Amino acid sequence: MILTTALTFALAAFALAFVLNLVRLFTAPCVTDRILAIDTMTVNTIALLVLSGLRTGSTLNHEAALLFALTGFISTVAFCKFLLRGSIIE
């Protein structure tokens, strides 16, 4: 009973954070703020995947969250490197 209530509250909180990050993505004044918003959205998506996996009892969501974390990190690093140097591959 308390676990389902806590999971529902956590899912709602991370969904709200995701929506607020989406608003920040479209209203950000510069590119670096947009990168930070996308990176934060990646973290929120990972949290939503893990929480939904806990709620349903599925382990597939945890694997998807791990893959999403890896690709999110690599894409953030690559995009920041592109902004700093102008190219990704040297």
PDB file of N, CA and C in Angstrom:
ATOM      1  N   MET A   1       0.824  -1.195   0.000  1.00  0.00           N
ATOM      2  CA  MET A   1       0.000   0.000   0.000  1.00  0.00           C
ATOM      3  C   MET A   1       0.864   1.254   0.000  1.00  0.00           C
ATOM      4  N   ILE A   2       1.795   1.330   0.940  1.00  0.00           N
ATOM      5  CA  ILE A   2       2.624   2.533   1.027  1.00  0.00           C
ATOM      6  C   ILE A   2       3.616   2.588  -0.138  1.00  0.00           C
ATOM      7  N   LEU A   3       4.065   1.411  -0.598  1.00  0.00           N
ATOM      8  CA  LEU A   3       5.001   1.392  -1.715  1.00  0.00           C
ATOM      9  C   LEU A   3       4.341   1.879  -3.001  1.00  0.00           C
ATOM     10  N   THR A   4       3.128   1.466  -3.258  1.00  0.00           N
ATOM     11  CA  THR A   4       2.446   1.923  -4.474  1.00  0.00           C
ATOM     12  C   THR A   4       2.155   3.418  -4.409  1.00  0.00           C
ATOM     13  N   THR A   5       1.829   3.913  -3.225  1.00  0.00           N
ATOM     14  CA  THR A   5       1.593   5.352  -3.066  1.00  0.00           C
ATOM     15  C   THR A   5       2.882   6.136  -3.291  1.00  0.00           C
ATOM     16  N   ALA A   6       3.988   5.640  -2.746  1.00  0.00           N
ATOM     17  CA  ALA A   6       5.273   6.320  -2.922  1.00  0.00           C
ATOM     18  C   ALA A   6       5.720   6.286  -4.379  1.00  0.00           C
ATOM     19  N   LEU A   7       5.514   5.138  -5.041  1.00  0.00           N
ATOM     20  CA  LEU A   7       5.890   5.049  -6.446  1.00  0.00           C
ATOM     21  C   LEU A   7       5.033   5.961  -7.320  1.00  0.00           C
ATOM     22  N   THR A   8       3.752   6.042  -7.003  1.00  0.00           N
ATOM     23  CA  THR A   8       2.871   6.930  -7.764  1.00  0.00           C
ATOM     24  C   THR A   8       3.275   8.389  -7.575  1.00  0.00           C
ATOM     25  N   PHE A   9       3.594   8.763  -6.343  1.00  0.00           N
ATOM     26  CA  PHE A   9       4.034  10.140  -6.074  1.00  0.00           C
ATOM     27  C   PHE A   9       5.352  10.433  -6.782  1.00  0.00           C
ATOM     28  N   ALA A  10       6.292   9.486  -6.749  1.00  0.00           N
ATOM     29  CA  ALA A  10       7.584   9.697  -7.400  1.00  0.00           C
ATOM     30  C   ALA A  10       7.421   9.789  -8.915  1.00  0.00           C
ATOM     31  N   LEU A  11       6.574   8.951  -9.489  1.00  0.00           N
ATOM     32  CA  LEU A  11       6.324   9.028 -10.931  1.00  0.00           C
ATOM     33  C   LEU A  11       5.709  10.375 -11.314  1.00  0.00           C
ATOM     34  N   ALA A  12       4.777  10.855 -10.504  1.00  0.00           N
ATOM     35  CA  ALA A  12       4.160  12.150 -10.787  1.00  0.00           C
ATOM     36  C   ALA A  12       5.175  13.288 -10.661  1.00  0.00           C
ATOM     37  N   ALA A  13       6.046  13.202  -9.659  1.00  0.00           N
ATOM     38  CA  ALA A  13       7.045  14.257  -9.459  1.00  0.00           C
ATOM     39  C   ALA A  13       8.044  14.297 -10.613  1.00  0.00           C
ATOM     40  N   PHE A  14       8.502  13.128 -11.048  1.00  0.00           N
ATOM     41  CA  PHE A  14       9.455  13.114 -12.159  1.00  0.00           C
ATOM     42  C   PHE A  14       8.786  13.471 -13.484  1.00  0.00           C
ATOM     43  N   ALA A  15       7.524  13.141 -13.647  1.00  0.00           N
ATOM     44  CA  ALA A  15       6.799  13.552 -14.856  1.00  0.00           C
ATOM     45  C   ALA A  15       6.639  15.071 -14.889  1.00  0.00           C
ATOM     46  N   LEU A  16       6.345  15.667 -13.743  1.00  0.00           N
ATOM     47  CA  LEU A  16       6.253  17.128 -13.669  1.00  0.00           C
ATOM     48  C   LEU A  16       7.604  17.772 -13.950  1.00  0.00           C
ATOM     49  N   ALA A  17       8.667  17.184 -13.411  1.00  0.00           N
ATOM     50  CA  ALA A  17      10.010  17.709 -13.680  1.00  0.00           C
ATOM     51  C   ALA A  17      10.354  17.599 -15.159  1.00  0.00           C
ATOM     52  N   PHE A  18       9.916  16.521 -15.801  1.00  0.00           N
ATOM     53  CA  PHE A  18      10.154  16.349 -17.231  1.00  0.00           C
ATOM     54  C   PHE A  18       9.432  17.436 -18.027  1.00  0.00           C
ATOM     55  N   VAL A  19       8.202  17.725 -17.665  1.00  0.00           N
ATOM     56  CA  VAL A  19       7.433  18.768 -18.361  1.00  0.00           C
ATOM     57  C   VAL A  19       8.071  20.139 -18.150  1.00  0.00           C
ATOM     58  N   LEU A  20       8.528  20.417 -16.941  1.00  0.00           N
ATOM     59  CA  LEU A  20       9.192  21.694 -16.677  1.00  0.00           C
ATOM     60  C   LEU A  20      10.506  21.806 -17.445  1.00  0.00           C
ATOM     61  N   ASN A  21      11.221  20.693 -17.595  1.00  0.00           N
ATOM     62  CA  ASN A  21      12.431  20.712 -18.423  1.00  0.00           C
ATOM     63  C   ASN A  21      12.111  20.945 -19.884  1.00  0.00           C
ATOM     64  N   LEU A  22      10.995  20.416 -20.335  1.00  0.00           N
ATOM     65  CA  LEU A  22      10.567  20.653 -21.709  1.00  0.00           C
ATOM     66  C   LEU A  22      10.280  22.136 -21.936  1.00  0.00           C
ATOM     67  N   VAL A  23       9.654  22.775 -20.961  1.00  0.00           N
ATOM     68  CA  VAL A  23       9.406  24.216 -21.049  1.00  0.00           C
ATOM     69  C   VAL A  23      10.730  24.973 -21.080  1.00  0.00           C
ATOM     70  N   ARG A  24      11.670  24.555 -20.240  1.00  0.00           N
ATOM     71  CA  ARG A  24      12.978  25.207 -20.209  1.00  0.00           C
ATOM     72  C   ARG A  24      13.726  25.018 -21.530  1.00  0.00           C
ATOM     73  N   LEU A  25      13.537  23.865 -22.142  1.00  0.00           N
ATOM     74  CA  LEU A  25      14.190  23.601 -23.416  1.00  0.00           C
ATOM     75  C   LEU A  25      13.745  24.585 -24.486  1.00  0.00           C
ATOM     76  N   PHE A  26      12.470  24.912 -24.505  1.00  0.00           N
ATOM     77  CA  PHE A  26      11.956  25.814 -25.528  1.00  0.00           C
ATOM     78  C   PHE A  26      12.131  27.293 -25.179  1.00  0.00           C
ATOM     79  N   THR A  27      12.354  27.618 -23.911  1.00  0.00           N
ATOM     80  CA  THR A  27      12.495  29.018 -23.522  1.00  0.00           C
ATOM     81  C   THR A  27      13.914  29.394 -23.123  1.00  0.00           C
ATOM     82  N   ALA A  28      14.865  28.507 -23.307  1.00  0.00           N
ATOM     83  CA  ALA A  28      16.246  28.782 -22.897  1.00  0.00           C
ATOM     84  C   ALA A  28      16.860  29.854 -23.796  1.00  0.00           C
ATOM     85  N   PRO A  29      17.607  30.773 -23.205  1.00  0.00           N
ATOM     86  CA  PRO A  29      18.165  31.867 -24.001  1.00  0.00           C
ATOM     87  C   PRO A  29      19.376  31.475 -24.846  1.00  0.00           C
ATOM     88  N   CYS A  30      20.117  30.446 -24.448  1.00  0.00           N
ATOM     89  CA  CYS A  30      21.307  30.086 -25.219  1.00  0.00           C
ATOM     90  C   CYS A  30      21.414  28.567 -25.356  1.00  0.00           C
ATOM     91  N   VAL A  31      22.352  28.144 -26.171  1.00  0.00           N
ATOM     92  CA  VAL A  31      22.492  26.727 -26.503  1.00  0.00           C
ATOM     93  C   VAL A  31      22.945  25.907 -25.299  1.00  0.00           C
ATOM     94  N   THR A  32      23.808  26.461 -24.472  1.00  0.00           N
ATOM     95  CA  THR A  32      24.283  25.696 -23.314  1.00  0.00           C
ATOM     96  C   THR A  32      23.154  25.403 -22.329  1.00  0.00           C
ATOM     97  N   ASP A  33      22.234  26.321 -22.180  1.00  0.00           N
ATOM     98  CA  ASP A  33      21.079  26.058 -21.325  1.00  0.00           C
ATOM     99  C   ASP A  33      20.200  24.958 -21.908  1.00  0.00           C
ATOM    100  N   ARG A  34      20.111  24.909 -23.217  1.00  0.00           N
ATOM    101  CA  ARG A  34      19.334  23.842 -23.859  1.00  0.00           C
ATOM    102  C   ARG A  34      20.004  22.485 -23.677  1.00  0.00           C
ATOM    103  N   ILE A  35      21.333  22.458 -23.724  1.00  0.00           N
ATOM    104  CA  ILE A  35      22.055  21.205 -23.490  1.00  0.00           C
ATOM    105  C   ILE A  35      21.816  20.720 -22.066  1.00  0.00           C
ATOM    106  N   LEU A  36      21.868  21.628 -21.111  1.00  0.00           N
ATOM    107  CA  LEU A  36      21.605  21.251 -19.719  1.00  0.00           C
ATOM    108  C   LEU A  36      20.176  20.763 -19.534  1.00  0.00           C
ATOM    109  N   ALA A  37      19.235  21.360 -20.224  1.00  0.00           N
ATOM    110  CA  ALA A  37      17.843  20.911 -20.133  1.00  0.00           C
ATOM    111  C   ALA A  37      17.679  19.511 -20.713  1.00  0.00           C
ATOM    112  N   ILE A  38      18.345  19.243 -21.818  1.00  0.00           N
ATOM    113  CA  ILE A  38      18.268  17.906 -22.409  1.00  0.00           C
ATOM    114  C   ILE A  38      18.943  16.881 -21.510  1.00  0.00           C
ATOM    115  N   ASP A  39      20.061  17.257 -20.896  1.00  0.00           N
ATOM    116  CA  ASP A  39      20.739  16.339 -19.991  1.00  0.00           C
ATOM    117  C   ASP A  39      19.875  16.041 -18.762  1.00  0.00           C
ATOM    118  N   THR A  40      19.213  17.047 -18.245  1.00  0.00           N
ATOM    119  CA  THR A  40      18.317  16.841 -17.112  1.00  0.00           C
ATOM    120  C   THR A  40      17.097  16.017 -17.515  1.00  0.00           C
ATOM    121  N   MET A  41      16.629  16.202 -18.738  1.00  0.00           N
ATOM    122  CA  MET A  41      15.532  15.370 -19.222  1.00  0.00           C
ATOM    123  C   MET A  41      15.960  13.912 -19.343  1.00  0.00           C
ATOM    124  N   THR A  42      17.215  13.682 -19.682  1.00  0.00           N
ATOM    125  CA  THR A  42      17.734  12.311 -19.729  1.00  0.00           C
ATOM    126  C   THR A  42      17.702  11.681 -18.342  1.00  0.00           C
ATOM    127  N   VAL A  43      18.117  12.425 -17.347  1.00  0.00           N
ATOM    128  CA  VAL A  43      18.091  11.916 -15.975  1.00  0.00           C
ATOM    129  C   VAL A  43      16.654  11.638 -15.531  1.00  0.00           C
ATOM    130  N   ASN A  44      15.738  12.527 -15.874  1.00  0.00           N
ATOM    131  CA  ASN A  44      14.330  12.311 -15.520  1.00  0.00           C
ATOM    132  C   ASN A  44      13.751  11.093 -16.240  1.00  0.00           C
ATOM    133  N   THR A  45      14.130  10.888 -17.485  1.00  0.00           N
ATOM    134  CA  THR A  45      13.653   9.728 -18.225  1.00  0.00           C
ATOM    135  C   THR A  45      14.177   8.433 -17.609  1.00  0.00           C
ATOM    136  N   ILE A  46      15.428   8.446 -17.196  1.00  0.00           N
ATOM    137  CA  ILE A  46      16.003   7.270 -16.535  1.00  0.00           C
ATOM    138  C   ILE A  46      15.246   6.978 -15.247  1.00  0.00           C
ATOM    139  N   ALA A  47      14.957   8.009 -14.483  1.00  0.00           N
ATOM    140  CA  ALA A  47      14.205   7.815 -13.241  1.00  0.00           C
ATOM    141  C   ALA A  47      12.804   7.283 -13.512  1.00  0.00           C
ATOM    142  N   LEU A  48      12.150   7.802 -14.554  1.00  0.00           N
ATOM    143  CA  LEU A  48      10.816   7.310 -14.900  1.00  0.00           C
ATOM    144  C   LEU A  48      10.856   5.849 -15.332  1.00  0.00           C
ATOM    145  N   LEU A  49      11.877   5.467 -16.076  1.00  0.00           N
ATOM    146  CA  LEU A  49      12.008   4.072 -16.497  1.00  0.00           C
ATOM    147  C   LEU A  49      12.228   3.146 -15.308  1.00  0.00           C
ATOM    148  N   VAL A  50      13.090   3.539 -14.398  1.00  0.00           N
ATOM    149  CA  VAL A  50      13.364   2.700 -13.223  1.00  0.00           C
ATOM    150  C   VAL A  50      12.135   2.600 -12.333  1.00  0.00           C
ATOM    151  N   LEU A  51      11.462   3.708 -12.113  1.00  0.00           N
ATOM    152  CA  LEU A  51      10.275   3.681 -11.260  1.00  0.00           C
ATOM    153  C   LEU A  51       9.147   2.862 -11.874  1.00  0.00           C
ATOM    154  N   SER A  52       8.976   2.979 -13.176  1.00  0.00           N
ATOM    155  CA  SER A  52       7.931   2.172 -13.809  1.00  0.00           C
ATOM    156  C   SER A  52       8.311   0.696 -13.798  1.00  0.00           C
ATOM    157  N   GLY A  53       9.594   0.394 -13.876  1.00  0.00           N
ATOM    158  CA  GLY A  53      10.045  -0.984 -13.750  1.00  0.00           C
ATOM    159  C   GLY A  53       9.802  -1.539 -12.363  1.00  0.00           C
ATOM    160  N   LEU A  54      10.005  -0.715 -11.355  1.00  0.00           N
ATOM    161  CA  LEU A  54       9.702  -1.149  -9.991  1.00  0.00           C
ATOM    162  C   LEU A  54       8.210  -1.366  -9.794  1.00  0.00           C
ATOM    163  N   ARG A  55       7.441  -0.521 -10.413  1.00  0.00           N
ATOM    164  CA  ARG A  55       5.986  -0.631 -10.252  1.00  0.00           C
ATOM    165  C   ARG A  55       5.418  -1.880 -10.927  1.00  0.00           C
ATOM    166  N   THR A  56       5.937  -2.198 -12.119  1.00  0.00           N
ATOM    167  CA  THR A  56       5.425  -3.355 -12.847  1.00  0.00           C
ATOM    168  C   THR A  56       6.167  -4.644 -12.518  1.00  0.00           C
ATOM    169  N   GLY A  57       7.333  -4.540 -11.914  1.00  0.00           N
ATOM    170  CA  GLY A  57       8.123  -5.722 -11.600  1.00  0.00           C
ATOM    171  C   GLY A  57       8.921  -6.241 -12.783  1.00  0.00           C
ATOM    172  N   SER A  58       9.103  -5.436 -13.797  1.00  0.00           N
ATOM    173  CA  SER A  58       9.822  -5.841 -15.002  1.00  0.00           C
ATOM    174  C   SER A  58      11.288  -5.429 -14.899  1.00  0.00           C
ATOM    175  N   THR A  59      12.171  -6.328 -15.321  1.00  0.00           N
ATOM    176  CA  THR A  59      13.595  -5.983 -15.341  1.00  0.00           C
ATOM    177  C   THR A  59      14.015  -5.374 -16.671  1.00  0.00           C
ATOM    178  N   LEU A  60      13.165  -5.447 -17.655  1.00  0.00           N
ATOM    179  CA  LEU A  60      13.485  -4.893 -18.969  1.00  0.00           C
ATOM    180  C   LEU A  60      13.632  -3.369 -18.909  1.00  0.00           C
ATOM    181  N   ASN A  61      12.860  -2.734 -18.040  1.00  0.00           N
ATOM    182  CA  ASN A  61      12.960  -1.277 -17.907  1.00  0.00           C
ATOM    183  C   ASN A  61      14.311  -0.853 -17.340  1.00  0.00           C
ATOM    184  N   HIS A  62      14.885  -1.670 -16.481  1.00  0.00           N
ATOM    185  CA  HIS A  62      16.184  -1.328 -15.906  1.00  0.00           C
ATOM    186  C   HIS A  62      17.285  -1.407 -16.961  1.00  0.00           C
ATOM    187  N   GLU A  63      17.189  -2.387 -17.850  1.00  0.00           N
ATOM    188  CA  GLU A  63      18.157  -2.477 -18.936  1.00  0.00           C
ATOM    189  C   GLU A  63      18.002  -1.302 -19.901  1.00  0.00           C
ATOM    190  N   ALA A  64      16.773  -0.933 -20.174  1.00  0.00           N
ATOM    191  CA  ALA A  64      16.530   0.221 -21.048  1.00  0.00           C
ATOM    192  C   ALA A  64      17.058   1.498 -20.403  1.00  0.00           C
ATOM    193  N   ALA A  65      16.901   1.624 -19.096  1.00  0.00           N
ATOM    194  CA  ALA A  65      17.413   2.804 -18.392  1.00  0.00           C
ATOM    195  C   ALA A  65      18.934   2.860 -18.461  1.00  0.00           C
ATOM    196  N   LEU A  66      19.581   1.706 -18.351  1.00  0.00           N
ATOM    197  CA  LEU A  66      21.039   1.670 -18.446  1.00  0.00           C
ATOM    198  C   LEU A  66      21.515   2.083 -19.830  1.00  0.00           C
ATOM    199  N   LEU A  67      20.874   1.568 -20.861  1.00  0.00           N
ATOM    200  CA  LEU A  67      21.234   1.956 -22.230  1.00  0.00           C
ATOM    201  C   LEU A  67      20.961   3.433 -22.487  1.00  0.00           C
ATOM    202  N   PHE A  68      19.867   3.924 -21.951  1.00  0.00           N
ATOM    203  CA  PHE A  68      19.533   5.337 -22.122  1.00  0.00           C
ATOM    204  C   PHE A  68      20.549   6.219 -21.397  1.00  0.00           C
ATOM    205  N   ALA A  69      21.025   5.777 -20.238  1.00  0.00           N
ATOM    206  CA  ALA A  69      22.031   6.545 -19.503  1.00  0.00           C
ATOM    207  C   ALA A  69      23.342   6.608 -20.274  1.00  0.00           C
ATOM    208  N   LEU A  70      23.740   5.496 -20.856  1.00  0.00           N
ATOM    209  CA  LEU A  70      24.989   5.477 -21.622  1.00  0.00           C
ATOM    210  C   LEU A  70      24.911   6.374 -22.852  1.00  0.00           C
ATOM    211  N   THR A  71      23.842   6.260 -23.612  1.00  0.00           N
ATOM    212  CA  THR A  71      23.725   7.096 -24.809  1.00  0.00           C
ATOM    213  C   THR A  71      23.515   8.564 -24.456  1.00  0.00           C
ATOM    214  N   GLY A  72      22.817   8.834 -23.367  1.00  0.00           N
ATOM    215  CA  GLY A  72      22.624  10.223 -22.947  1.00  0.00           C
ATOM    216  C   GLY A  72      23.925  10.880 -22.545  1.00  0.00           C
ATOM    217  N   PHE A  73      24.773  10.139 -21.833  1.00  0.00           N
ATOM    218  CA  PHE A  73      26.063  10.689 -21.417  1.00  0.00           C
ATOM    219  C   PHE A  73      26.958  10.945 -22.623  1.00  0.00           C
ATOM    220  N   ILE A  74      27.034   9.975 -23.517  1.00  0.00           N
ATOM    221  CA  ILE A  74      27.898  10.128 -24.690  1.00  0.00           C
ATOM    222  C   ILE A  74      27.420  11.275 -25.577  1.00  0.00           C
ATOM    223  N   SER A  75      26.116  11.394 -25.759  1.00  0.00           N
ATOM    224  CA  SER A  75      25.616  12.473 -26.617  1.00  0.00           C
ATOM    225  C   SER A  75      25.837  13.841 -25.988  1.00  0.00           C
ATOM    226  N   THR A  76      25.712  13.945 -24.680  1.00  0.00           N
ATOM    227  CA  THR A  76      25.971  15.225 -24.020  1.00  0.00           C
ATOM    228  C   THR A  76      27.436  15.622 -24.140  1.00  0.00           C
ATOM    229  N   VAL A  77      28.324  14.676 -23.921  1.00  0.00           N
ATOM    230  CA  VAL A  77      29.759  14.963 -24.044  1.00  0.00           C
ATOM    231  C   VAL A  77      30.115  15.341 -25.485  1.00  0.00           C
ATOM    232  N   ALA A  78      29.562  14.619 -26.449  1.00  0.00           N
ATOM    233  CA  ALA A  78      29.859  14.907 -27.855  1.00  0.00           C
ATOM    234  C   ALA A  78      29.334  16.285 -28.258  1.00  0.00           C
ATOM    235  N   PHE A  79      28.144  16.636 -27.809  1.00  0.00           N
ATOM    236  CA  PHE A  79      27.590  17.929 -28.186  1.00  0.00           C
ATOM    237  C   PHE A  79      28.366  19.077 -27.546  1.00  0.00           C
ATOM    238  N   CYS A  80      28.779  18.906 -26.295  1.00  0.00           N
ATOM    239  CA  CYS A  80      29.589  19.944 -25.646  1.00  0.00           C
ATOM    240  C   CYS A  80      30.949  20.083 -26.314  1.00  0.00           C
ATOM    241  N   LYS A  81      31.543  18.957 -26.699  1.00  0.00           N
ATOM    242  CA  LYS A  81      32.821  19.012 -27.404  1.00  0.00           C
ATOM    243  C   LYS A  81      32.662  19.708 -28.754  1.00  0.00           C
ATOM    244  N   PHE A  82      31.552  19.462 -29.421  1.00  0.00           N
ATOM    245  CA  PHE A  82      31.292  20.131 -30.695  1.00  0.00           C
ATOM    246  C   PHE A  82      31.158  21.637 -30.500  1.00  0.00           C
ATOM    247  N   LEU A  83      30.480  22.047 -29.426  1.00  0.00           N
ATOM    248  CA  LEU A  83      30.334  23.492 -29.182  1.00  0.00           C
ATOM    249  C   LEU A  83      31.669  24.147 -28.837  1.00  0.00           C
ATOM    250  N   LEU A  84      32.530  23.438 -28.119  1.00  0.00           N
ATOM    251  CA  LEU A  84      33.801  24.028 -27.724  1.00  0.00           C
ATOM    252  C   LEU A  84      34.808  24.082 -28.870  1.00  0.00           C
ATOM    253  N   ARG A  85      34.898  22.987 -29.643  1.00  0.00           N
ATOM    254  CA  ARG A  85      35.964  22.897 -30.631  1.00  0.00           C
ATOM    255  C   ARG A  85      35.488  23.021 -32.068  1.00  0.00           C
ATOM    256  N   GLY A  86      34.218  22.827 -32.323  1.00  0.00           N
ATOM    257  CA  GLY A  86      33.725  22.912 -33.687  1.00  0.00           C
ATOM    258  C   GLY A  86      33.688  21.592 -34.410  1.00  0.00           C
ATOM    259  N   SER A  87      34.310  20.553 -33.837  1.00  0.00           N
ATOM    260  CA  SER A  87      34.259  19.224 -34.437  1.00  0.00           C
ATOM    261  C   SER A  87      34.334  18.202 -33.314  1.00  0.00           C
ATOM    262  N   ILE A  88      33.804  17.031 -33.585  1.00  0.00           N
ATOM    263  CA  ILE A  88      33.807  15.983 -32.567  1.00  0.00           C
ATOM    264  C   ILE A  88      35.046  15.124 -32.708  1.00  0.00           C
ATOM    265  N   ILE A  89      35.377  14.749 -33.936  1.00  0.00           N
ATOM    266  CA  ILE A  89      36.546  13.903 -34.188  1.00  0.00           C
ATOM    267  C   ILE A  89      37.719  14.777 -34.558  1.00  0.00           C
ATOM    268  N   GLU A  90      38.806  14.550 -33.881  1.00  0.00           N
ATOM    269  CA  GLU A  90      40.003  15.391 -34.127  1.00  0.00           C
ATOM    270  C   GLU A  90      40.933  14.753 -35.105  1.00  0.00           C
TER     271      GLU A  90
END
